[in-house]
């Protein structure tokens, strides 16, 4: 494994800038493309988690005392974001070590993203 592939895979975990670099410069290399898929899957997971929390909290705010349940859901959203940070660090470590390992829970789905 070349060190440039490892560095490109590391850059894949930098949203947007890293994704663009890998998609334009390293599209033919499977290792960086694997990690860009994992990174995009992680980003989608975190974005969907945030949107679900916002929508549920907004809906619950219309119910008397429902906002308290929305605040309780905030702990779930924070837990998901902590999991996302841990998964992000795991992905970076895997990329720098030259390993193609799926991220937990959503890695299999993220690997099926067509780019």
PDB file of N, CA and C in Angstrom:
ATOM      1  N   UNK A   1       0.853  -1.169   0.000  1.00  0.00           N
ATOM      2  CA  UNK A   1       0.000   0.000   0.000  1.00  0.00           C
ATOM      3  C   UNK A   1       0.900   1.234   0.000  1.00  0.00           C
ATOM      4  N   UNK A   2       0.621   2.115  -0.919  1.00  0.00           N
ATOM      5  CA  UNK A   2       1.390   3.347  -1.008  1.00  0.00           C
ATOM      6  C   UNK A   2       0.953   4.323   0.078  1.00  0.00           C
ATOM      7  N   UNK A   3       1.903   5.145   0.531  1.00  0.00           N
ATOM      8  CA  UNK A   3       1.559   6.128   1.562  1.00  0.00           C
ATOM      9  C   UNK A   3       0.635   7.202   1.011  1.00  0.00           C
ATOM     10  N   UNK A   4       0.682   7.446  -0.323  1.00  0.00           N
ATOM     11  CA  UNK A   4      -0.229   8.437  -0.901  1.00  0.00           C
ATOM     12  C   UNK A   4      -1.675   7.949  -0.836  1.00  0.00           C
ATOM     13  N   UNK A   5      -1.877   6.634  -0.975  1.00  0.00           N
ATOM     14  CA  UNK A   5      -3.227   6.088  -0.832  1.00  0.00           C
ATOM     15  C   UNK A   5      -3.726   6.231   0.602  1.00  0.00           C
ATOM     16  N   UNK A   6      -2.843   5.992   1.562  1.00  0.00           N
ATOM     17  CA  UNK A   6      -3.227   6.149   2.967  1.00  0.00           C
ATOM     18  C   UNK A   6      -3.563   7.611   3.277  1.00  0.00           C
ATOM     19  N   UNK A   7      -2.756   8.518   2.761  1.00  0.00           N
ATOM     20  CA  UNK A   7      -3.015   9.933   2.996  1.00  0.00           C
ATOM     21  C   UNK A   7      -4.320  10.356   2.321  1.00  0.00           C
ATOM     22  N   UNK A   8      -4.569   9.854   1.118  1.00  0.00           N
ATOM     23  CA  UNK A   8      -5.826  10.174   0.425  1.00  0.00           C
ATOM     24  C   UNK A   8      -7.019   9.622   1.196  1.00  0.00           C
ATOM     25  N   UNK A   9      -6.870   8.415   1.749  1.00  0.00           N
ATOM     26  CA  UNK A   9      -7.944   7.831   2.549  1.00  0.00           C
ATOM     27  C   UNK A   9      -8.164   8.643   3.818  1.00  0.00           C
ATOM     28  N   UNK A  10      -7.079   9.154   4.406  1.00  0.00           N
ATOM     29  CA  UNK A  10      -7.200  10.035   5.570  1.00  0.00           C
ATOM     30  C   UNK A  10      -7.949  11.312   5.193  1.00  0.00           C
ATOM     31  N   UNK A  11      -7.608  11.898   4.045  1.00  0.00           N
ATOM     32  CA  UNK A  11      -8.280  13.119   3.593  1.00  0.00           C
ATOM     33  C   UNK A  11      -9.765  12.891   3.328  1.00  0.00           C
ATOM     34  N   UNK A  12     -10.139  11.652   3.019  1.00  0.00           N
ATOM     35  CA  UNK A  12     -11.542  11.338   2.751  1.00  0.00           C
ATOM     36  C   UNK A  12     -12.424  11.619   3.962  1.00  0.00           C
ATOM     37  N   UNK A  13     -11.834  11.653   5.148  1.00  0.00           N
ATOM     38  CA  UNK A  13     -12.616  11.903   6.361  1.00  0.00           C
ATOM     39  C   UNK A  13     -12.754  13.388   6.674  1.00  0.00           C
ATOM     40  N   UNK A  14     -12.257  14.253   5.789  1.00  0.00           N
ATOM     41  CA  UNK A  14     -12.482  15.693   5.919  1.00  0.00           C
ATOM     42  C   UNK A  14     -13.650  16.029   4.996  1.00  0.00           C
ATOM     43  N   UNK A  15     -14.817  16.352   5.567  1.00  0.00           N
ATOM     44  CA  UNK A  15     -16.003  16.554   4.728  1.00  0.00           C
ATOM     45  C   UNK A  15     -15.787  17.605   3.642  1.00  0.00           C
ATOM     46  N   UNK A  16     -16.403  17.373   2.540  1.00  0.00           N
ATOM     47  CA  UNK A  16     -16.463  18.196   1.330  1.00  0.00           C
ATOM     48  C   UNK A  16     -15.092  18.339   0.673  1.00  0.00           C
ATOM     49  N   UNK A  17     -14.133  18.990   1.318  1.00  0.00           N
ATOM     50  CA  UNK A  17     -12.818  19.202   0.689  1.00  0.00           C
ATOM     51  C   UNK A  17     -12.138  17.865   0.405  1.00  0.00           C
ATOM     52  N   UNK A  18     -12.091  17.002   1.405  1.00  0.00           N
ATOM     53  CA  UNK A  18     -11.484  15.685   1.225  1.00  0.00           C
ATOM     54  C   UNK A  18     -12.251  14.836   0.233  1.00  0.00           C
ATOM     55  N   UNK A  19     -13.578  14.924   0.293  1.00  0.00           N
ATOM     56  CA  UNK A  19     -14.401  14.145  -0.641  1.00  0.00           C
ATOM     57  C   UNK A  19     -14.117  14.571  -2.077  1.00  0.00           C
ATOM     58  N   UNK A  20     -14.075  15.870  -2.309  1.00  0.00           N
ATOM     59  CA  UNK A  20     -13.835  16.368  -3.664  1.00  0.00           C
ATOM     60  C   UNK A  20     -12.463  15.931  -4.154  1.00  0.00           C
ATOM     61  N   UNK A  21     -11.449  16.041  -3.289  1.00  0.00           N
ATOM     62  CA  UNK A  21     -10.102  15.633  -3.675  1.00  0.00           C
ATOM     63  C   UNK A  21     -10.067  14.159  -4.081  1.00  0.00           C
ATOM     64  N   UNK A  22     -10.631  13.307  -3.232  1.00  0.00           N
ATOM     65  CA  UNK A  22     -10.597  11.870  -3.530  1.00  0.00           C
ATOM     66  C   UNK A  22     -11.407  11.561  -4.785  1.00  0.00           C
ATOM     67  N   UNK A  23     -12.576  12.164  -4.915  1.00  0.00           N
ATOM     68  CA  UNK A  23     -13.421  11.873  -6.076  1.00  0.00           C
ATOM     69  C   UNK A  23     -12.798  12.365  -7.382  1.00  0.00           C
ATOM     70  N   UNK A  24     -12.027  13.448  -7.330  1.00  0.00           N
ATOM     71  CA  UNK A  24     -11.406  13.959  -8.556  1.00  0.00           C
ATOM     72  C   UNK A  24     -10.040  13.347  -8.829  1.00  0.00           C
ATOM     73  N   UNK A  25      -9.229  13.170  -7.805  1.00  0.00           N
ATOM     74  CA  UNK A  25      -7.844  12.745  -8.019  1.00  0.00           C
ATOM     75  C   UNK A  25      -7.631  11.239  -7.849  1.00  0.00           C
ATOM     76  N   UNK A  26      -8.405  10.591  -7.008  1.00  0.00           N
ATOM     77  CA  UNK A  26      -8.153   9.178  -6.684  1.00  0.00           C
ATOM     78  C   UNK A  26      -9.349   8.277  -6.982  1.00  0.00           C
ATOM     79  N   UNK A  27     -10.133   8.638  -7.949  1.00  0.00           N
ATOM     80  CA  UNK A  27     -11.358   7.895  -8.261  1.00  0.00           C
ATOM     81  C   UNK A  27     -11.096   6.434  -8.636  1.00  0.00           C
ATOM     82  N   UNK A  28      -9.961   6.152  -9.236  1.00  0.00           N
ATOM     83  CA  UNK A  28      -9.658   4.785  -9.697  1.00  0.00           C
ATOM     84  C   UNK A  28      -9.107   3.888  -8.582  1.00  0.00           C
ATOM     85  N   UNK A  29      -8.632   4.480  -7.496  1.00  0.00           N
ATOM     86  CA  UNK A  29      -8.059   3.706  -6.398  1.00  0.00           C
ATOM     87  C   UNK A  29      -9.153   3.232  -5.457  1.00  0.00           C
ATOM     88  N   UNK A  30      -9.191   1.944  -5.196  1.00  0.00           N
ATOM     89  CA  UNK A  30     -10.267   1.382  -4.376  1.00  0.00           C
ATOM     90  C   UNK A  30     -10.142   1.757  -2.897  1.00  0.00           C
ATOM     91  N   UNK A  31      -8.913   1.852  -2.390  1.00  0.00           N
ATOM     92  CA  UNK A  31      -8.735   2.136  -0.965  1.00  0.00           C
ATOM     93  C   UNK A  31      -9.264   3.519  -0.569  1.00  0.00           C
ATOM     94  N   UNK A  32      -8.849   4.600  -1.237  1.00  0.00           N
ATOM     95  CA  UNK A  32      -9.424   5.904  -0.880  1.00  0.00           C
ATOM     96  C   UNK A  32     -10.934   5.989  -1.151  1.00  0.00           C
ATOM     97  N   UNK A  33     -11.400   5.341  -2.201  1.00  0.00           N
ATOM     98  CA  UNK A  33     -12.834   5.372  -2.501  1.00  0.00           C
ATOM     99  C   UNK A  33     -13.641   4.641  -1.426  1.00  0.00           C
ATOM    100  N   UNK A  34     -13.089   3.550  -0.896  1.00  0.00           N
ATOM    101  CA  UNK A  34     -13.753   2.852   0.201  1.00  0.00           C
ATOM    102  C   UNK A  34     -13.941   3.800   1.381  1.00  0.00           C
ATOM    103  N   UNK A  35     -12.875   4.528   1.720  1.00  0.00           N
ATOM    104  CA  UNK A  35     -12.945   5.410   2.881  1.00  0.00           C
ATOM    105  C   UNK A  35     -13.797   6.643   2.618  1.00  0.00           C
ATOM    106  N   UNK A  36     -13.870   7.114   1.392  1.00  0.00           N
ATOM    107  CA  UNK A  36     -14.767   8.245   1.117  1.00  0.00           C
ATOM    108  C   UNK A  36     -16.221   7.801   1.249  1.00  0.00           C
ATOM    109  N   UNK A  37     -16.510   6.575   0.870  1.00  0.00           N
ATOM    110  CA  UNK A  37     -17.874   6.055   1.064  1.00  0.00           C
ATOM    111  C   UNK A  37     -18.214   5.970   2.554  1.00  0.00           C
ATOM    112  N   UNK A  38     -17.283   5.482   3.345  1.00  0.00           N
ATOM    113  CA  UNK A  38     -17.505   5.388   4.787  1.00  0.00           C
ATOM    114  C   UNK A  38     -17.717   6.777   5.391  1.00  0.00           C
ATOM    115  N   UNK A  39     -16.925   7.728   4.951  1.00  0.00           N
ATOM    116  CA  UNK A  39     -17.032   9.096   5.454  1.00  0.00           C
ATOM    117  C   UNK A  39     -18.367   9.735   5.076  1.00  0.00           C
ATOM    118  N   UNK A  40     -18.781   9.555   3.847  1.00  0.00           N
ATOM    119  CA  UNK A  40     -20.067  10.111   3.416  1.00  0.00           C
ATOM    120  C   UNK A  40     -21.216   9.430   4.158  1.00  0.00           C
ATOM    121  N   UNK A  41     -21.108   8.121   4.363  1.00  0.00           N
ATOM    122  CA  UNK A  41     -22.121   7.402   5.139  1.00  0.00           C
ATOM    123  C   UNK A  41     -22.213   7.909   6.566  1.00  0.00           C
ATOM    124  N   UNK A  42     -21.070   8.198   7.174  1.00  0.00           N
ATOM    125  CA  UNK A  42     -21.044   8.762   8.524  1.00  0.00           C
ATOM    126  C   UNK A  42     -21.700  10.135   8.544  1.00  0.00           C
ATOM    127  N   UNK A  43     -21.394  10.964   7.562  1.00  0.00           N
ATOM    128  CA  UNK A  43     -21.983  12.297   7.476  1.00  0.00           C
ATOM    129  C   UNK A  43     -23.500  12.215   7.303  1.00  0.00           C
ATOM    130  N   UNK A  44     -23.956  11.312   6.448  1.00  0.00           N
ATOM    131  CA  UNK A  44     -25.399  11.140   6.240  1.00  0.00           C
ATOM    132  C   UNK A  44     -26.068  10.674   7.532  1.00  0.00           C
ATOM    133  N   UNK A  45     -25.444   9.739   8.231  1.00  0.00           N
ATOM    134  CA  UNK A  45     -25.977   9.257   9.507  1.00  0.00           C
ATOM    135  C   UNK A  45     -26.146  10.399  10.496  1.00  0.00           C
ATOM    136  N   UNK A  46     -25.122  11.237  10.630  1.00  0.00           N
ATOM    137  CA  UNK A  46     -25.191  12.349  11.575  1.00  0.00           C
ATOM    138  C   UNK A  46     -26.208  13.409  11.142  1.00  0.00           C
ATOM    139  N   UNK A  47     -26.287  13.677   9.851  1.00  0.00           N
ATOM    140  CA  UNK A  47     -27.246  14.662   9.350  1.00  0.00           C
ATOM    141  C   UNK A  47     -28.684  14.182   9.568  1.00  0.00           C
ATOM    142  N   UNK A  48     -28.942  12.915   9.275  1.00  0.00           N
ATOM    143  CA  UNK A  48     -30.284  12.358   9.465  1.00  0.00           C
ATOM    144  C   UNK A  48     -30.656  12.353  10.946  1.00  0.00           C
ATOM    145  N   UNK A  49     -29.706  12.017  11.797  1.00  0.00           N
ATOM    146  CA  UNK A  49     -29.956  12.048  13.242  1.00  0.00           C
ATOM    147  C   UNK A  49     -30.360  13.439  13.696  1.00  0.00           C
ATOM    148  N   UNK A  50     -29.645  14.452  13.224  1.00  0.00           N
ATOM    149  CA  UNK A  50     -29.951  15.824  13.595  1.00  0.00           C
ATOM    150  C   UNK A  50     -31.326  16.245  13.093  1.00  0.00           C
ATOM    151  N   UNK A  51     -31.633  15.924  11.838  1.00  0.00           N
ATOM    152  CA  UNK A  51     -32.926  16.309  11.259  1.00  0.00           C
ATOM    153  C   UNK A  51     -34.071  15.621  11.990  1.00  0.00           C
ATOM    154  N   UNK A  52     -33.923  14.356  12.300  1.00  0.00           N
ATOM    155  CA  UNK A  52     -34.977  13.639  13.029  1.00  0.00           C
ATOM    156  C   UNK A  52     -35.197  14.274  14.394  1.00  0.00           C
ATOM    157  N   UNK A  53     -34.108  14.611  15.094  1.00  0.00           N
ATOM    158  CA  UNK A  53     -34.251  15.248  16.404  1.00  0.00           C
ATOM    159  C   UNK A  53     -34.965  16.592  16.285  1.00  0.00           C
ATOM    160  N   UNK A  54     -34.589  17.404  15.300  1.00  0.00           N
ATOM    161  CA  UNK A  54     -35.212  18.722  15.140  1.00  0.00           C
ATOM    162  C   UNK A  54     -36.699  18.583  14.824  1.00  0.00           C
ATOM    163  N   UNK A  55     -37.041  17.698  13.911  1.00  0.00           N
ATOM    164  CA  UNK A  55     -38.445  17.533  13.519  1.00  0.00           C
ATOM    165  C   UNK A  55     -39.270  17.002  14.696  1.00  0.00           C
ATOM    166  N   UNK A  56     -38.766  15.982  15.390  1.00  0.00           N
ATOM    167  CA  UNK A  56     -39.507  15.453  16.541  1.00  0.00           C
ATOM    168  C   UNK A  56     -39.687  16.497  17.632  1.00  0.00           C
ATOM    169  N   UNK A  57     -38.644  17.262  17.898  1.00  0.00           N
ATOM    170  CA  UNK A  57     -38.748  18.295  18.924  1.00  0.00           C
ATOM    171  C   UNK A  57     -39.737  19.379  18.512  1.00  0.00           C
ATOM    172  N   UNK A  58     -39.729  19.744  17.245  1.00  0.00           N
ATOM    173  CA  UNK A  58     -40.669  20.755  16.761  1.00  0.00           C
ATOM    174  C   UNK A  58     -42.111  20.259  16.899  1.00  0.00           C
ATOM    175  N   UNK A  59     -42.342  19.005  16.501  1.00  0.00           N
ATOM    176  CA  UNK A  59     -43.692  18.440  16.604  1.00  0.00           C
ATOM    177  C   UNK A  59     -44.121  18.354  18.064  1.00  0.00           C
ATOM    178  N   UNK A  60     -43.212  17.889  18.919  1.00  0.00           N
ATOM    179  CA  UNK A  60     -43.551  17.749  20.340  1.00  0.00           C
ATOM    180  C   UNK A  60     -43.748  19.090  21.027  1.00  0.00           C
ATOM    181  N   UNK A  61     -43.165  20.147  20.485  1.00  0.00           N
ATOM    182  CA  UNK A  61     -43.324  21.474  21.090  1.00  0.00           C
ATOM    183  C   UNK A  61     -44.769  21.962  21.000  1.00  0.00           C
ATOM    184  N   UNK A  62     -45.551  21.409  20.092  1.00  0.00           N
ATOM    185  CA  UNK A  62     -46.949  21.804  19.946  1.00  0.00           C
ATOM    186  C   UNK A  62     -47.846  21.130  20.981  1.00  0.00           C
ATOM    187  N   UNK A  63     -47.330  20.101  21.627  1.00  0.00           N
ATOM    188  CA  UNK A  63     -48.078  19.384  22.651  1.00  0.00           C
ATOM    189  C   UNK A  63     -47.700  19.982  24.011  1.00  0.00           C
ATOM    190  N   UNK A  64     -48.685  20.231  24.870  1.00  0.00           N
ATOM    191  CA  UNK A  64     -48.328  20.766  26.197  1.00  0.00           C
ATOM    192  C   UNK A  64     -47.337  19.839  26.918  1.00  0.00           C
ATOM    193  N   UNK A  65     -46.275  20.410  27.386  1.00  0.00           N
ATOM    194  CA  UNK A  65     -45.183  19.708  28.063  1.00  0.00           C
ATOM    195  C   UNK A  65     -44.458  18.700  27.163  1.00  0.00           C
ATOM    196  N   UNK A  66     -44.772  18.715  25.913  1.00  0.00           N
ATOM    197  CA  UNK A  66     -44.096  17.812  24.971  1.00  0.00           C
ATOM    198  C   UNK A  66     -42.656  18.206  24.717  1.00  0.00           C
ATOM    199  N   UNK A  67     -42.366  19.485  24.924  1.00  0.00           N
ATOM    200  CA  UNK A  67     -40.993  19.931  24.704  1.00  0.00           C
ATOM    201  C   UNK A  67     -40.024  19.220  25.645  1.00  0.00           C
ATOM    202  N   UNK A  68     -40.534  18.767  26.801  1.00  0.00           N
ATOM    203  CA  UNK A  68     -39.670  18.040  27.733  1.00  0.00           C
ATOM    204  C   UNK A  68     -39.219  16.709  27.141  1.00  0.00           C
ATOM    205  N   UNK A  69     -40.107  16.082  26.402  1.00  0.00           N
ATOM    206  CA  UNK A  69     -39.734  14.845  25.715  1.00  0.00           C
ATOM    207  C   UNK A  69     -38.702  15.161  24.628  1.00  0.00           C
ATOM    208  N   UNK A  70     -38.883  16.300  23.958  1.00  0.00           N
ATOM    209  CA  UNK A  70     -37.904  16.725  22.954  1.00  0.00           C
ATOM    210  C   UNK A  70     -36.538  16.955  23.557  1.00  0.00           C
ATOM    211  N   UNK A  71     -36.527  17.510  24.744  1.00  0.00           N
ATOM    212  CA  UNK A  71     -35.254  17.705  25.449  1.00  0.00           C
ATOM    213  C   UNK A  71     -34.649  16.350  25.806  1.00  0.00           C
ATOM    214  N   UNK A  72     -35.485  15.401  26.173  1.00  0.00           N
ATOM    215  CA  UNK A  72     -34.983  14.051  26.462  1.00  0.00           C
ATOM    216  C   UNK A  72     -34.406  13.415  25.197  1.00  0.00           C
ATOM    217  N   UNK A  73     -35.043  13.671  24.042  1.00  0.00           N
ATOM    218  CA  UNK A  73     -34.498  13.154  22.783  1.00  0.00           C
ATOM    219  C   UNK A  73     -33.148  13.775  22.458  1.00  0.00           C
ATOM    220  N   UNK A  74     -32.897  14.958  23.010  1.00  0.00           N
ATOM    221  CA  UNK A  74     -31.609  15.612  22.784  1.00  0.00           C
ATOM    222  C   UNK A  74     -30.466  14.744  23.289  1.00  0.00           C
ATOM    223  N   UNK A  75     -30.688  14.030  24.390  1.00  0.00           N
ATOM    224  CA  UNK A  75     -29.639  13.139  24.893  1.00  0.00           C
ATOM    225  C   UNK A  75     -29.350  12.018  23.905  1.00  0.00           C
ATOM    226  N   UNK A  76     -30.394  11.558  23.219  1.00  0.00           N
ATOM    227  CA  UNK A  76     -30.195  10.542  22.192  1.00  0.00           C
ATOM    228  C   UNK A  76     -29.397  11.107  21.030  1.00  0.00           C
ATOM    229  N   UNK A  77     -29.696  12.336  20.637  1.00  0.00           N
ATOM    230  CA  UNK A  77     -28.958  12.972  19.548  1.00  0.00           C
ATOM    231  C   UNK A  77     -27.496  13.174  19.934  1.00  0.00           C
ATOM    232  N   UNK A  78     -27.244  13.606  21.152  1.00  0.00           N
ATOM    233  CA  UNK A  78     -25.867  13.793  21.615  1.00  0.00           C
ATOM    234  C   UNK A  78     -25.129  12.460  21.646  1.00  0.00           C
ATOM    235  N   UNK A  79     -25.804  11.409  22.087  1.00  0.00           N
ATOM    236  CA  UNK A  79     -25.199  10.074  22.089  1.00  0.00           C
ATOM    237  C   UNK A  79     -24.821   9.653  20.677  1.00  0.00           C
ATOM    238  N   UNK A  80     -25.692   9.920  19.711  1.00  0.00           N
ATOM    239  CA  UNK A  80     -25.397   9.586  18.310  1.00  0.00           C
ATOM    240  C   UNK A  80     -24.200  10.387  17.808  1.00  0.00           C
ATOM    241  N   UNK A  81     -24.094  11.645  18.198  1.00  0.00           N
ATOM    242  CA  UNK A  81     -22.958  12.448  17.767  1.00  0.00           C
ATOM    243  C   UNK A  81     -21.660  11.989  18.420  1.00  0.00           C
ATOM    244  N   UNK A  82     -21.706  11.560  19.667  1.00  0.00           N
ATOM    245  CA  UNK A  82     -20.513  11.000  20.308  1.00  0.00           C
ATOM    246  C   UNK A  82     -20.102   9.724  19.594  1.00  0.00           C
ATOM    247  N   UNK A  83     -21.088   8.876  19.260  1.00  0.00           N
ATOM    248  CA  UNK A  83     -20.803   7.677  18.478  1.00  0.00           C
ATOM    249  C   UNK A  83     -20.184   8.055  17.141  1.00  0.00           C
ATOM    250  N   UNK A  84     -20.694   9.119  16.514  1.00  0.00           N
ATOM    251  CA  UNK A  84     -20.155   9.571  15.235  1.00  0.00           C
ATOM    252  C   UNK A  84     -18.710  10.020  15.344  1.00  0.00           C
ATOM    253  N   UNK A  85     -18.373  10.698  16.429  1.00  0.00           N
ATOM    254  CA  UNK A  85     -16.987  11.128  16.623  1.00  0.00           C
ATOM    255  C   UNK A  85     -16.076   9.915  16.804  1.00  0.00           C
ATOM    256  N   UNK A  86     -16.532   8.946  17.582  1.00  0.00           N
ATOM    257  CA  UNK A  86     -15.750   7.725  17.782  1.00  0.00           C
ATOM    258  C   UNK A  86     -15.577   6.992  16.448  1.00  0.00           C
ATOM    259  N   UNK A  87     -16.637   6.880  15.657  1.00  0.00           N
ATOM    260  CA  UNK A  87     -16.560   6.218  14.355  1.00  0.00           C
ATOM    261  C   UNK A  87     -15.637   6.975  13.411  1.00  0.00           C
ATOM    262  N   UNK A  88     -15.685   8.310  13.465  1.00  0.00           N
ATOM    263  CA  UNK A  88     -14.810   9.136  12.626  1.00  0.00           C
ATOM    264  C   UNK A  88     -13.348   8.873  12.955  1.00  0.00           C
ATOM    265  N   UNK A  89     -13.022   8.840  14.250  1.00  0.00           N
ATOM    266  CA  UNK A  89     -11.642   8.568  14.677  1.00  0.00           C
ATOM    267  C   UNK A  89     -11.237   7.150  14.268  1.00  0.00           C
ATOM    268  N   UNK A  90     -12.146   6.196  14.425  1.00  0.00           N
ATOM    269  CA  UNK A  90     -11.850   4.816  13.997  1.00  0.00           C
ATOM    270  C   UNK A  90     -11.558   4.768  12.509  1.00  0.00           C
ATOM    271  N   UNK A  91     -12.352   5.475  11.711  1.00  0.00           N
ATOM    272  CA  UNK A  91     -12.135   5.500  10.271  1.00  0.00           C
ATOM    273  C   UNK A  91     -10.795   6.099   9.909  1.00  0.00           C
ATOM    274  N   UNK A  92     -10.415   7.178  10.577  1.00  0.00           N
ATOM    275  CA  UNK A  92      -9.118   7.805  10.319  1.00  0.00           C
ATOM    276  C   UNK A  92      -7.987   6.846  10.680  1.00  0.00           C
ATOM    277  N   UNK A  93      -8.103   6.175  11.812  1.00  0.00           N
ATOM    278  CA  UNK A  93      -7.074   5.217  12.225  1.00  0.00           C
ATOM    279  C   UNK A  93      -6.976   4.073  11.222  1.00  0.00           C
ATOM    280  N   UNK A  94      -8.123   3.550  10.772  1.00  0.00           N
ATOM    281  CA  UNK A  94      -8.109   2.479   9.769  1.00  0.00           C
ATOM    282  C   UNK A  94      -7.453   2.958   8.473  1.00  0.00           C
ATOM    283  N   UNK A  95      -7.756   4.185   8.079  1.00  0.00           N
ATOM    284  CA  UNK A  95      -7.184   4.728   6.843  1.00  0.00           C
ATOM    285  C   UNK A  95      -5.677   4.870   6.956  1.00  0.00           C
ATOM    286  N   UNK A  96      -5.198   5.393   8.069  1.00  0.00           N
ATOM    287  CA  UNK A  96      -3.763   5.588   8.239  1.00  0.00           C
ATOM    288  C   UNK A  96      -3.004   4.271   8.399  1.00  0.00           C
ATOM    289  N   UNK A  97      -3.687   3.246   8.927  1.00  0.00           N
ATOM    290  CA  UNK A  97      -3.059   1.928   9.062  1.00  0.00           C
ATOM    291  C   UNK A  97      -3.185   1.075   7.809  1.00  0.00           C
ATOM    292  N   UNK A  98      -3.903   1.571   6.801  1.00  0.00           N
ATOM    293  CA  UNK A  98      -4.033   0.838   5.546  1.00  0.00           C
ATOM    294  C   UNK A  98      -5.033  -0.298   5.596  1.00  0.00           C
ATOM    295  N   UNK A  99      -6.021  -0.203   6.478  1.00  0.00           N
ATOM    296  CA  UNK A  99      -7.023  -1.269   6.595  1.00  0.00           C
ATOM    297  C   UNK A  99      -8.352  -0.829   6.001  1.00  0.00           C
ATOM    298  N   UNK A 100      -9.031  -1.762   5.381  1.00  0.00           N
ATOM    299  CA  UNK A 100     -10.369  -1.501   4.828  1.00  0.00           C
ATOM    300  C   UNK A 100     -11.392  -2.203   5.724  1.00  0.00           C
ATOM    301  N   UNK A 101     -11.717  -1.569   6.840  1.00  0.00           N
ATOM    302  CA  UNK A 101     -12.697  -2.121   7.769  1.00  0.00           C
ATOM    303  C   UNK A 101     -13.921  -1.224   7.797  1.00  0.00           C
ATOM    304  N   UNK A 102     -15.083  -1.853   7.805  1.00  0.00           N
ATOM    305  CA  UNK A 102     -16.336  -1.106   7.833  1.00  0.00           C
ATOM    306  C   UNK A 102     -16.512  -0.422   9.185  1.00  0.00           C
ATOM    307  N   UNK A 103     -17.094   0.761   9.153  1.00  0.00           N
ATOM    308  CA  UNK A 103     -17.437   1.438  10.394  1.00  0.00           C
ATOM    309  C   UNK A 103     -18.623   0.713  11.026  1.00  0.00           C
ATOM    310  N   UNK A 104     -18.744   0.741  12.350  1.00  0.00           N
ATOM    311  CA  UNK A 104     -19.827  -0.002  12.999  1.00  0.00           C
ATOM    312  C   UNK A 104     -21.215   0.519  12.637  1.00  0.00           C
ATOM    313  N   UNK A 105     -22.154  -0.375  12.576  1.00  0.00           N
ATOM    314  CA  UNK A 105     -23.581  -0.147  12.356  1.00  0.00           C
ATOM    315  C   UNK A 105     -23.949   0.296  10.947  1.00  0.00           C
ATOM    316  N   UNK A 106     -23.414   1.375  10.441  1.00  0.00           N
ATOM    317  CA  UNK A 106     -23.841   1.885   9.140  1.00  0.00           C
ATOM    318  C   UNK A 106     -22.788   1.684   8.058  1.00  0.00           C
ATOM    319  N   UNK A 107     -21.663   1.068   8.379  1.00  0.00           N
ATOM    320  CA  UNK A 107     -20.571   0.899   7.418  1.00  0.00           C
ATOM    321  C   UNK A 107     -20.947   0.051   6.221  1.00  0.00           C
ATOM    322  N   UNK A 108     -21.743  -0.992   6.461  1.00  0.00           N
ATOM    323  CA  UNK A 108     -22.162  -1.856   5.358  1.00  0.00           C
ATOM    324  C   UNK A 108     -23.049  -1.098   4.379  1.00  0.00           C
ATOM    325  N   UNK A 109     -23.977  -0.314   4.925  1.00  0.00           N
ATOM    326  CA  UNK A 109     -24.843   0.505   4.080  1.00  0.00           C
ATOM    327  C   UNK A 109     -24.029   1.576   3.353  1.00  0.00           C
ATOM    328  N   UNK A 110     -23.081   2.184   4.064  1.00  0.00           N
ATOM    329  CA  UNK A 110     -22.258   3.231   3.462  1.00  0.00           C
ATOM    330  C   UNK A 110     -21.398   2.670   2.333  1.00  0.00           C
ATOM    331  N   UNK A 111     -20.979   1.442   2.462  1.00  0.00           N
ATOM    332  CA  UNK A 111     -20.134   0.820   1.428  1.00  0.00           C
ATOM    333  C   UNK A 111     -20.903   0.594   0.140  1.00  0.00           C
ATOM    334  N   UNK A 112     -22.221   0.574   0.208  1.00  0.00           N
ATOM    335  CA  UNK A 112     -23.020   0.359  -1.008  1.00  0.00           C
ATOM    336  C   UNK A 112     -23.369   1.668  -1.722  1.00  0.00           C
ATOM    337  N   UNK A 113     -22.880   2.808  -1.223  1.00  0.00           N
ATOM    338  CA  UNK A 113     -23.125   4.091  -1.870  1.00  0.00           C
ATOM    339  C   UNK A 113     -22.411   4.099  -3.217  1.00  0.00           C
ATOM    340  N   UNK A 114     -23.129   4.458  -4.261  1.00  0.00           N
ATOM    341  CA  UNK A 114     -22.554   4.503  -5.607  1.00  0.00           C
ATOM    342  C   UNK A 114     -22.070   5.914  -5.880  1.00  0.00           C
ATOM    343  N   UNK A 115     -20.776   6.036  -6.148  1.00  0.00           N
ATOM    344  CA  UNK A 115     -20.198   7.346  -6.452  1.00  0.00           C
ATOM    345  C   UNK A 115     -19.648   7.354  -7.861  1.00  0.00           C
TER     346      UNK A 115
END
